[in-house]
Amino acid sequence: MILAILLLMSVVLLSVWGVQNLSAYLSLFTLCYFAASFVFRPKRRTIDFVGLGLLYYSALSIAIAFGL
């Protein structure tokens, strides 16, 4: 529930500020996911595939945005 609220607030704030860059949204989603994961510390049996995927695609989109 908290993660959904964080993601909704981030989308609303970025849209109010007029941000149209997809990498900014993806990076903020990744930050919200890891913050919620750090606060609540869910029990995991395997690797956090969602977190790894978000981190990978966030880094990839930032690298493309900066032309690296």
C-alpha atoms as a PDB file:
ATOM      1  CA  MET A   1       0.000   0.000   0.000  1.00  0.00           C
ATOM      2  CA  ILE A   2       2.799   2.378   0.894  1.00  0.00           C
ATOM      3  CA  LEU A   3       4.639   1.582  -2.343  1.00  0.00           C
ATOM      4  CA  ALA A   4       1.509   2.374  -4.359  1.00  0.00           C
ATOM      5  CA  ILE A   5       1.118   5.694  -2.562  1.00  0.00           C
ATOM      6  CA  LEU A   6       4.787   6.562  -3.127  1.00  0.00           C
ATOM      7  CA  LEU A   7       4.553   5.735  -6.826  1.00  0.00           C
ATOM      8  CA  LEU A   8       1.352   7.730  -7.239  1.00  0.00           C
ATOM      9  CA  MET A   9       2.853  10.740  -5.463  1.00  0.00           C
ATOM     10  CA  SER A  10       5.985  10.575  -7.598  1.00  0.00           C
ATOM     11  CA  VAL A  11       3.969  10.484 -10.824  1.00  0.00           C
ATOM     12  CA  VAL A  12       1.819  13.402  -9.724  1.00  0.00           C
ATOM     13  CA  LEU A  13       4.814  15.495  -8.636  1.00  0.00           C
ATOM     14  CA  LEU A  14       6.809  14.844 -11.789  1.00  0.00           C
ATOM     15  CA  SER A  15       3.830  15.630 -13.998  1.00  0.00           C
ATOM     16  CA  VAL A  16       3.130  18.851 -12.080  1.00  0.00           C
ATOM     17  CA  TRP A  17       6.755  19.883 -12.550  1.00  0.00           C
ATOM     18  CA  GLY A  18       6.433  19.179 -16.274  1.00  0.00           C
ATOM     19  CA  VAL A  19       9.013  16.410 -16.487  1.00  0.00           C
ATOM     20  CA  GLN A  20       8.643  14.475 -19.734  1.00  0.00           C
ATOM     21  CA  ASN A  21      11.773  12.342 -19.531  1.00  0.00           C
ATOM     22  CA  LEU A  22      11.020   8.652 -19.044  1.00  0.00           C
ATOM     23  CA  SER A  23      14.336   8.035 -17.294  1.00  0.00           C
ATOM     24  CA  ALA A  24      13.339  10.439 -14.512  1.00  0.00           C
ATOM     25  CA  TYR A  25      10.137   8.505 -13.865  1.00  0.00           C
ATOM     26  CA  LEU A  26      11.920   5.151 -13.962  1.00  0.00           C
ATOM     27  CA  SER A  27      14.665   6.354 -11.626  1.00  0.00           C
ATOM     28  CA  LEU A  28      12.157   7.708  -9.143  1.00  0.00           C
ATOM     29  CA  PHE A  29      10.162   4.451  -9.296  1.00  0.00           C
ATOM     30  CA  THR A  30      13.363   2.549  -8.537  1.00  0.00           C
ATOM     31  CA  LEU A  31      14.146   4.849  -5.626  1.00  0.00           C
ATOM     32  CA  CYS A  32      10.626   4.440  -4.203  1.00  0.00           C
ATOM     33  CA  TYR A  33      10.777   0.662  -4.583  1.00  0.00           C
ATOM     34  CA  PHE A  34      14.094   0.343  -2.768  1.00  0.00           C
ATOM     35  CA  ALA A  35      13.029   2.797  -0.050  1.00  0.00           C
ATOM     36  CA  ALA A  36       9.854   0.809   0.649  1.00  0.00           C
ATOM     37  CA  SER A  37      11.818  -2.426   0.492  1.00  0.00           C
ATOM     38  CA  PHE A  38      14.386  -1.073   2.947  1.00  0.00           C
ATOM     39  CA  VAL A  39      11.770   0.161   5.411  1.00  0.00           C
ATOM     40  CA  PHE A  40       9.573  -2.948   5.423  1.00  0.00           C
ATOM     41  CA  ARG A  41      12.254  -5.617   4.727  1.00  0.00           C
ATOM     42  CA  PRO A  42      10.096  -8.356   3.183  1.00  0.00           C
ATOM     43  CA  LYS A  43      11.255 -11.945   3.565  1.00  0.00           C
ATOM     44  CA  ARG A  44      12.677 -13.264   0.321  1.00  0.00           C
ATOM     45  CA  ARG A  45      13.461 -16.810  -0.740  1.00  0.00           C
ATOM     46  CA  THR A  46      15.230 -15.830  -3.954  1.00  0.00           C
ATOM     47  CA  ILE A  47      16.929 -12.835  -5.482  1.00  0.00           C
ATOM     48  CA  ASP A  48      14.835  -9.673  -5.775  1.00  0.00           C
ATOM     49  CA  PHE A  49      14.203  -9.868  -9.521  1.00  0.00           C
ATOM     50  CA  VAL A  50      11.913  -6.820  -9.542  1.00  0.00           C
ATOM     51  CA  GLY A  51      14.548  -4.690  -7.846  1.00  0.00           C
ATOM     52  CA  LEU A  52      17.296  -5.913 -10.147  1.00  0.00           C
ATOM     53  CA  GLY A  53      15.148  -5.272 -13.204  1.00  0.00           C
ATOM     54  CA  LEU A  54      14.264  -1.770 -12.070  1.00  0.00           C
ATOM     55  CA  LEU A  55      17.892  -1.009 -11.298  1.00  0.00           C
ATOM     56  CA  TYR A  56      19.081  -2.344 -14.666  1.00  0.00           C
ATOM     57  CA  TYR A  57      16.513  -0.481 -16.775  1.00  0.00           C
ATOM     58  CA  SER A  58      16.925   2.684 -14.733  1.00  0.00           C
ATOM     59  CA  ALA A  59      20.692   2.661 -15.287  1.00  0.00           C
ATOM     60  CA  LEU A  60      20.194   1.831 -18.960  1.00  0.00           C
ATOM     61  CA  SER A  61      17.730   4.678 -19.527  1.00  0.00           C
ATOM     62  CA  ILE A  62      19.973   7.173 -17.736  1.00  0.00           C
ATOM     63  CA  ALA A  63      22.968   6.057 -19.807  1.00  0.00           C
ATOM     64  CA  ILE A  64      20.960   6.494 -23.010  1.00  0.00           C
ATOM     65  CA  ALA A  65      19.665   9.892 -21.881  1.00  0.00           C
ATOM     66  CA  PHE A  66      23.201  11.158 -21.230  1.00  0.00           C
ATOM     67  CA  GLY A  67      24.572   9.536 -24.370  1.00  0.00           C
ATOM     68  CA  LEU A  68      27.033   7.201 -22.671  1.00  0.00           C
END
